[in-house]
C-alpha atoms as a PDB file:
ATOM      1  CA  MET A   1     104.311 108.292 121.741  1.00  0.00           C
ATOM      2  CA  LYS A   2     106.263 109.752 118.834  1.00  0.00           C
ATOM      3  CA  THR A   3     106.235 106.344 117.139  1.00  0.00           C
ATOM      4  CA  ASN A   4     102.432 106.281 117.158  1.00  0.00           C
ATOM      5  CA  LYS A   5     102.333 109.775 115.689  1.00  0.00           C
ATOM      6  CA  LYS A   6     104.726 108.761 112.908  1.00  0.00           C
ATOM      7  CA  VAL A   7     102.640 105.684 112.124  1.00  0.00           C
ATOM      8  CA  SER A   8      99.481 107.791 112.059  1.00  0.00           C
ATOM      9  CA  GLU A   9     101.144 110.338 109.763  1.00  0.00           C
ATOM     10  CA  SER A  10     102.295 107.509 107.507  1.00  0.00           C
ATOM     11  CA  LYS A  11      98.751 106.154 107.228  1.00  0.00           C
ATOM     12  CA  ARG A  12      97.475 109.679 106.575  1.00  0.00           C
ATOM     13  CA  ASP A  13     100.048 110.124 103.805  1.00  0.00           C
ATOM     14  CA  LYS A  14      99.034 106.771 102.302  1.00  0.00           C
ATOM     15  CA  MET A  15      95.368 107.786 102.277  1.00  0.00           C
ATOM     16  CA  ILE A  16      96.228 111.108 100.624  1.00  0.00           C
ATOM     17  CA  GLU A  17      98.331 109.325  97.975  1.00  0.00           C
ATOM     18  CA  GLU A  18      95.481 106.923  97.210  1.00  0.00           C
ATOM     19  CA  LEU A  19      92.909 109.722  96.972  1.00  0.00           C
ATOM     20  CA  VAL A  20      95.152 111.712  94.634  1.00  0.00           C
ATOM     21  CA  SER A  21      95.674 108.630  92.468  1.00  0.00           C
ATOM     22  CA  ASN A  22      91.869 108.452  92.178  1.00  0.00           C
ATOM     23  CA  GLY A  23      91.656 112.079  91.085  1.00  0.00           C
ATOM     24  CA  VAL A  24      90.667 113.598  94.436  1.00  0.00           C
ATOM     25  CA  PHE A  25      92.712 116.731  95.086  1.00  0.00           C
ATOM     26  CA  LYS A  26      90.339 118.765  97.261  1.00  0.00           C
ATOM     27  CA  ILE A  27      87.419 118.057  99.570  1.00  0.00           C
ATOM     28  CA  ASP A  28      85.010 120.839 100.471  1.00  0.00           C
ATOM     29  CA  GLY A  29      87.342 123.335  98.774  1.00  0.00           C
ATOM     30  CA  LYS A  30      90.338 122.413 100.933  1.00  0.00           C
ATOM     31  CA  GLN A  31      93.474 120.592  99.924  1.00  0.00           C
ATOM     32  CA  LEU A  32      93.772 117.104 101.376  1.00  0.00           C
ATOM     33  CA  TYR A  33      96.668 117.863 103.720  1.00  0.00           C
ATOM     34  CA  GLU A  34      94.572 120.623 105.359  1.00  0.00           C
ATOM     35  CA  LEU A  35      91.765 118.265 106.355  1.00  0.00           C
ATOM     36  CA  PRO A  36      91.284 116.458 109.660  1.00  0.00           C
ATOM     37  CA  LEU A  37      92.102 112.767 109.676  1.00  0.00           C
ATOM     38  CA  GLN A  38      88.476 111.716 110.199  1.00  0.00           C
ATOM     39  CA  LEU A  39      87.304 113.509 107.053  1.00  0.00           C
ATOM     40  CA  LEU A  40      90.135 111.977 105.033  1.00  0.00           C
ATOM     41  CA  LYS A  41      89.232 108.541 106.349  1.00  0.00           C
ATOM     42  CA  GLN A  42      85.562 108.991 105.393  1.00  0.00           C
ATOM     43  CA  GLU A  43      86.454 110.036 101.861  1.00  0.00           C
ATOM     44  CA  TYR A  44      88.987 107.231 101.566  1.00  0.00           C
ATOM     45  CA  GLU A  45      86.416 104.659 102.655  1.00  0.00           C
ATOM     46  CA  ALA A  46      83.929 106.075 100.141  1.00  0.00           C
ATOM     47  CA  PHE A  47      86.252 104.735  97.442  1.00  0.00           C
ATOM     48  CA  GLY A  48      86.056 101.279  99.060  1.00  0.00           C
ATOM     49  CA  GLN A  49      89.731 101.202  99.956  1.00  0.00           C
ATOM     50  CA  THR A  50      89.583 100.047 103.535  1.00  0.00           C
ATOM     51  CA  ASP A  51      92.928  98.229 103.609  1.00  0.00           C
ATOM     52  CA  ILE A  52      94.416 100.883 105.915  1.00  0.00           C
ATOM     53  CA  GLN A  53      93.309 100.306 109.490  1.00  0.00           C
ATOM     54  CA  MET A  54      93.155 103.308 111.827  1.00  0.00           C
END
């Protein structure tokens, strides 16, 4: 189970890195690391970068 959590955290970190590289630092006034995974995924997909599968 810990392996799945690490993989999920890795994907989350990758999404955050990609959003930051596109100039997104906050969503709805919150820093990216404070947001739930689903909201990060929605914002990430809005940029058309769907190469990370959840």
